[in-house]
C-alpha atoms as a PDB file:
ATOM      1  CA  MET A   1       2.323 -14.957  10.264  1.00  0.00           C
ATOM      2  CA  SER A   2       2.621 -13.953   6.656  1.00  0.00           C
ATOM      3  CA  GLN A   3       5.294 -12.113   4.746  1.00  0.00           C
ATOM      4  CA  ILE A   4       5.055  -8.931   2.767  1.00  0.00           C
ATOM      5  CA  ILE A   5       7.714  -8.674   0.115  1.00  0.00           C
ATOM      6  CA  PHE A   6       8.162  -5.054  -0.922  1.00  0.00           C
ATOM      7  CA  LEU A   7       9.726  -4.756  -4.351  1.00  0.00           C
ATOM      8  CA  PRO A   8      12.581  -2.236  -4.682  1.00  0.00           C
ATOM      9  CA  HIS A   9      11.545   1.428  -4.937  1.00  0.00           C
ATOM     10  CA  ALA A  10      14.251   4.009  -5.684  1.00  0.00           C
ATOM     11  CA  GLU A  11      13.331   6.353  -2.818  1.00  0.00           C
ATOM     12  CA  ILE A  12      11.294   4.414  -0.248  1.00  0.00           C
ATOM     13  CA  CYS A  13      13.137   1.064  -0.079  1.00  0.00           C
ATOM     14  CA  PRO A  14      15.893   0.861  -2.708  1.00  0.00           C
ATOM     15  CA  ASP A  15      16.811  -2.761  -1.958  1.00  0.00           C
ATOM     16  CA  GLY A  16      13.290  -4.008  -1.390  1.00  0.00           C
ATOM     17  CA  GLU A  17      12.299  -5.539   1.930  1.00  0.00           C
ATOM     18  CA  VAL A  18      10.766  -8.722   3.313  1.00  0.00           C
ATOM     19  CA  ILE A  19       8.844  -8.367   6.572  1.00  0.00           C
ATOM     20  CA  GLU A  20       6.847 -10.702   8.810  1.00  0.00           C
ATOM     21  CA  VAL A  21       3.337  -9.537   9.582  1.00  0.00           C
ATOM     22  CA  GLU A  22       0.386 -10.752  11.636  1.00  0.00           C
ATOM     23  CA  SER A  23      -2.981 -11.304   9.978  1.00  0.00           C
ATOM     24  CA  GLY A  24      -5.283  -8.319  10.301  1.00  0.00           C
ATOM     25  CA  THR A  25      -2.474  -5.754  10.054  1.00  0.00           C
ATOM     26  CA  THR A  26      -2.777  -3.227   7.246  1.00  0.00           C
ATOM     27  CA  ILE A  27      -0.033  -3.125   4.664  1.00  0.00           C
ATOM     28  CA  LEU A  28       0.634   0.496   5.628  1.00  0.00           C
ATOM     29  CA  ASP A  29       0.965  -0.212   9.354  1.00  0.00           C
ATOM     30  CA  ALA A  30       3.285  -3.147   8.641  1.00  0.00           C
ATOM     31  CA  ALA A  31       5.424  -0.998   6.345  1.00  0.00           C
ATOM     32  CA  LEU A  32       5.678   1.917   8.783  1.00  0.00           C
ATOM     33  CA  ALA A  33       6.541  -0.420  11.688  1.00  0.00           C
ATOM     34  CA  ASN A  34       9.470  -1.685   9.604  1.00  0.00           C
ATOM     35  CA  GLY A  35      10.862   1.655   8.464  1.00  0.00           C
ATOM     36  CA  ILE A  36       9.231   1.690   5.033  1.00  0.00           C
ATOM     37  CA  GLU A  37       7.879   5.231   4.861  1.00  0.00           C
ATOM     38  CA  ILE A  38       4.876   4.950   2.547  1.00  0.00           C
ATOM     39  CA  GLU A  39       3.154   8.328   2.263  1.00  0.00           C
ATOM     40  CA  HIS A  40      -0.198   8.601   4.030  1.00  0.00           C
ATOM     41  CA  SER A  41      -1.334  12.217   3.843  1.00  0.00           C
ATOM     42  CA  CYS A  42      -4.844  11.587   5.194  1.00  0.00           C
ATOM     43  CA  GLU A  43      -3.495   9.713   8.246  1.00  0.00           C
ATOM     44  CA  LYS A  44      -5.083   6.392   7.222  1.00  0.00           C
ATOM     45  CA  ALA A  45      -8.618   7.760   6.815  1.00  0.00           C
ATOM     46  CA  CYS A  46      -9.188   6.467   3.251  1.00  0.00           C
ATOM     47  CA  ALA A  47      -9.444  10.075   2.075  1.00  0.00           C
ATOM     48  CA  CYS A  48      -6.520  10.276  -0.369  1.00  0.00           C
ATOM     49  CA  THR A  49      -4.404   8.038  -2.601  1.00  0.00           C
ATOM     50  CA  THR A  50      -0.878   8.678  -1.336  1.00  0.00           C
ATOM     51  CA  CYS A  51      -0.595   5.158   0.146  1.00  0.00           C
ATOM     52  CA  HIS A  52      -1.612   3.447  -3.115  1.00  0.00           C
ATOM     53  CA  VAL A  53       0.196   0.149  -3.750  1.00  0.00           C
ATOM     54  CA  ILE A  54      -0.056  -2.583  -6.370  1.00  0.00           C
ATOM     55  CA  ILE A  55      -0.361  -6.155  -5.119  1.00  0.00           C
ATOM     56  CA  GLN A  56       1.719  -8.292  -7.498  1.00  0.00           C
ATOM     57  CA  GLU A  57       1.018 -11.579  -5.673  1.00  0.00           C
ATOM     58  CA  GLY A  58      -1.581 -12.529  -3.072  1.00  0.00           C
ATOM     59  CA  PHE A  59      -4.252 -10.026  -4.158  1.00  0.00           C
ATOM     60  CA  ASP A  60      -7.080 -12.547  -3.878  1.00  0.00           C
ATOM     61  CA  SER A  61      -6.256 -13.207  -0.211  1.00  0.00           C
ATOM     62  CA  LEU A  62      -7.231  -9.636   0.731  1.00  0.00           C
ATOM     63  CA  GLU A  63     -10.738  -8.632   1.767  1.00  0.00           C
ATOM     64  CA  GLU A  64     -12.631  -6.879  -0.994  1.00  0.00           C
ATOM     65  CA  SER A  65     -12.161  -3.139  -1.135  1.00  0.00           C
ATOM     66  CA  SER A  66     -14.963  -0.877   0.066  1.00  0.00           C
ATOM     67  CA  GLU A  67     -16.872   1.435  -2.262  1.00  0.00           C
ATOM     68  CA  ASN A  68     -15.122   4.391  -0.613  1.00  0.00           C
ATOM     69  CA  GLU A  69     -11.698   2.846  -1.274  1.00  0.00           C
ATOM     70  CA  ASP A  70     -12.653   2.126  -4.893  1.00  0.00           C
ATOM     71  CA  ASP A  71     -13.755   5.748  -5.334  1.00  0.00           C
ATOM     72  CA  MET A  72     -10.416   6.988  -3.981  1.00  0.00           C
ATOM     73  CA  LEU A  73      -8.434   4.513  -6.102  1.00  0.00           C
ATOM     74  CA  ASP A  74     -10.053   5.949  -9.234  1.00  0.00           C
ATOM     75  CA  LYS A  75      -7.911   9.053  -8.569  1.00  0.00           C
ATOM     76  CA  ALA A  76      -4.622   7.192  -8.030  1.00  0.00           C
ATOM     77  CA  TRP A  77      -1.683   7.637 -10.365  1.00  0.00           C
ATOM     78  CA  GLY A  78      -0.754   4.396 -12.141  1.00  0.00           C
ATOM     79  CA  LEU A  79      -3.937   2.536 -11.197  1.00  0.00           C
ATOM     80  CA  ALA A  80      -3.845  -1.208 -11.913  1.00  0.00           C
ATOM     81  CA  PRO A  81      -6.450  -3.965 -11.479  1.00  0.00           C
ATOM     82  CA  GLU A  82      -4.553  -5.112  -8.365  1.00  0.00           C
ATOM     83  CA  SER A  83      -4.294  -1.634  -6.806  1.00  0.00           C
ATOM     84  CA  ARG A  84      -5.214  -1.081  -3.171  1.00  0.00           C
ATOM     85  CA  LEU A  85      -4.840   1.655  -0.588  1.00  0.00           C
ATOM     86  CA  SER A  86      -2.308   0.245   1.849  1.00  0.00           C
ATOM     87  CA  CYS A  87      -4.122   1.891   4.782  1.00  0.00           C
ATOM     88  CA  GLN A  88      -7.192  -0.238   4.023  1.00  0.00           C
ATOM     89  CA  ALA A  89      -5.774  -3.562   2.801  1.00  0.00           C
ATOM     90  CA  LYS A  90      -5.311  -5.994   5.684  1.00  0.00           C
ATOM     91  CA  VAL A  91      -2.958  -8.938   5.420  1.00  0.00           C
ATOM     92  CA  ALA A  92      -4.733 -12.292   5.618  1.00  0.00           C
ATOM     93  CA  ASP A  93      -3.061 -15.710   5.679  1.00  0.00           C
ATOM     94  CA  GLN A  94      -1.121 -15.492   2.429  1.00  0.00           C
ATOM     95  CA  ASP A  95       2.197 -13.846   1.557  1.00  0.00           C
ATOM     96  CA  LEU A  96       2.000 -10.662  -0.493  1.00  0.00           C
ATOM     97  CA  VAL A  97       4.318  -9.149  -3.068  1.00  0.00           C
ATOM     98  CA  VAL A  98       3.796  -5.388  -3.072  1.00  0.00           C
ATOM     99  CA  GLU A  99       4.930  -2.785  -5.577  1.00  0.00           C
ATOM    100  CA  LEU A 100       5.174   0.826  -4.504  1.00  0.00           C
ATOM    101  CA  PRO A 101       4.240   3.028  -7.482  1.00  0.00           C
ATOM    102  CA  LYS A 102       6.899   5.375  -8.792  1.00  0.00           C
ATOM    103  CA  TYR A 103       4.693   8.388  -8.086  1.00  0.00           C
ATOM    104  CA  SER A 104       1.795   9.312  -5.848  1.00  0.00           C
ATOM    105  CA  ILE A 105      -0.663  12.154  -5.993  1.00  0.00           C
ATOM    106  CA  ASN A 106       0.204  14.278  -2.997  1.00  0.00           C
ATOM    107  CA  LEU A 107      -1.091  17.805  -3.364  1.00  0.00           C
ATOM    108  CA  ALA A 108       0.361  18.933  -0.028  1.00  0.00           C
ATOM    109  CA  LYS A 109       3.839  17.818  -1.105  1.00  0.00           C
ATOM    110  CA  GLU A 110       3.492  19.188  -4.639  1.00  0.00           C
ATOM    111  CA  ASN A 111       2.497  22.648  -3.380  1.00  0.00           C
ATOM    112  CA  HIS A 112       5.635  23.082  -1.275  1.00  0.00           C
END
């Protein structure tokens, strides 16, 4: 088992969170299972950027992103070299430190 350390985010997890996770679990699924409500407007289909996260530590332990994920990430707010879509990034055998960006691009939310 590995740990995901979520850095504090004012709205989603104000105090930060440390969770245990099994290899092969996506960052998004691990977060949701532990009450960390990362947006995922496309229901984990790699068709939006609302679940964008920045991997502060452990990035190299993740499988490489797909071309489709890279194309979606190009549209993400606050893109960084260590950005991933949490619905696609699966935990391997190394602990991760994950930053939740301050904003996401969520057209459905913005239009309401």
